[in-house]
Amino acid sequence: MTLPAALSTLLFPGGILDAIDVQPSLDLQAIVVTATSVAPQVACPSCQTLTSSLHSHYRRTLEDLPCLGLVVHLQLSVRRFRCRNEACPRRIFCERIEGVAARSARMTQRLTRAVQDTALEIGASSGQRIGRVWGVQRSRTTSLRVMRRMTPFQPPTTIKRIGVDDFAFKRGACYGTLIIDLETGKPIEVLRDRTATTLAAWLQQHPDIELVTRDRSMEYARGLSEGAPQAQQVLDRWHLIKNLREALERQVQGHQDDVHLAFAGQGEHVVLPLRSTAAEQSSQEAFERKCALYADLYAQYQQGKSIGAIVRAADVHRATVHKAIRCQGQPLRRSHARPLGILTPFQPVLQAAWDAGCRNASQLFRDLVQAGYAGSKRRVILWAQERREVPAPTTPGRFRDSAMRNRNVASAPSQPMPMMTVKTASWLLFSLPAELEEDQSRLVERLLTCEPLRNAQELVHAFRTMVRNRQGETFSSWVERVQSSGLKNLVSFAKGLEREGSALLAALTLPYSNGPTEGAVNRLKTIKRQMYGRANFDLLRIRVLSG
């Protein structure tokens, strides 16, 4: 039977096909729609000559979008025609069903788009699992094929402002480049590497570019100068602040003795860590292994080996090699301040009883319970053990020697622990007064007793204010102050900024930033991790640019 014309129009917009019948499949697991073409004439695909000379029919089965959770099969009665153009090499051809299915396809175009869009958003494997719920029975390899057959992405014809940043295919080994349109915030190209040659070649194809934001990579700077010399380069302000923080940390590293002296004798961390003999010994052994490793890495660096060669020979991370070089093969044993524990509020009660002559840990525990202590007795025993100079009278004879041995190890660590780490001190000096709590401000006051650190803080705060308020006109005077200060790490930082030239001044005056590019890189990383490394660069590029 022939279905109503309204239903045919609803199923096949444009009047290309006429739906004849709709029936369930024999196993009642699918819906079968039978349709036929209604075009009176069709064009030959070779010569485009219209013809109505019918040769024969054949049946073609396509899968369409599911309906009510059931698979929909579209059975088409497709016609073959004769081409009456004597000059055409094709004598017989099959009619093309434009808008319904591509040549030799087994899915309709609307189902293909659904599979394609799902795979682009969440990946082929996840799209396969969700498709089963919807009634689309397609494998992940089909989704990959469909995505790869997409029309290549065409960037806008006119691009004025772009952002450039790198991303890692494999961290420390292989990197690519992402380019976005700053006006729309959308990615417009993904390059296979981050070399100046590749970037310059792409820029030469877009001569209308007027402005480019980037980080402080010299490779990108060279690529932009070669490929788009007319474009204004703008440094990313976040990277400027990051480099400033690193320079300050190196400066503080050279004044560690002054930092420790500022906190010596001030009652910081007077309670030693509660660590057993085994824990202390394990920590010491680990530190000795670290010292040996750092010494070996630094020795290789002194021999003239490159960072990459050292990484491959020692099988360590690049960051480890950089740390070993920074400390010249002699790492510091750092210990973070112990966080406040359940015993901390009762320290005055314990100390008062101890000063009064009470050496019995059980009695100390009972006094604390009356004062509201809800912790275990073991903590009180360890607290007393750290301060006891002779064993308690109640200690059994066979345990008296081991008790004192444990106490000596806990109270005499192998090397003095610094009062404050370099990272913490540099962060305190880096932070503006409004960003600090009251207790942190007191720590800063003690750090500022060291004159070089006080000068460094003033220069750092001045630069932060200059960047935040985009006061590029004050940069020259700031550089003069840095050079007259004699702080070698900040002087080196300032010289590096001067080499950036107009790109730095643009960052300190223009509102543009590389922040949108960093956000696009984060999205790219999410897509890359969804793919679990199983797909190639071409698929990554399609997914990034089609978002």
Foldseek 3Di string as FASTA:
>chain_A
DFDDPVVQCVVPPPQQKGWRDWDADPVNQAIEIEIEGDDQWAADPFPGDIDNAWDAWDWAWAWEFGDPLGTYIYIYTWTKHADPPPVTPDGIDTGDRPQFPDPPDRYGPVVLVVLQVLCLVQHLCVSCVVCNRSHRHDHSVVNVVSLLPDDDDDADPAAAEKEKDKADPPPPPFIKMWIDRPVVLATDFIGRGQALVRLLVVLQVHQNYAEYEYALDPRVVNSCCNRHVNHFYAHFVVNLLVLLLVLLLLLVVVVLVLLLVLCPPVPFLPDFDLDWPVRLVVLVVVVVVLLVVLQVLLVVVVVPDDLVVSCVVVVDDSVSSVVSNSVSSGDDDADDRDDDDLCVVCVVVLVVVVVVPDLDLVVSVVVVVVVPRDDDSVVSVSSSLLVDPADDPPDDPVCRVVSVVRNVPRNDRPDDHGSDDSSLLSVLLLDDPVVDDPVSVVSVVSSVVDPLSVLSSVLNVVVVVLLVVLVLVCLVVSLVSQVVSPSVSVVVSSVSLVVVPSNHNCSSHPPDHSVSVVVLNVVLVVVSVSNVPPDDPSSSRSSSNVD
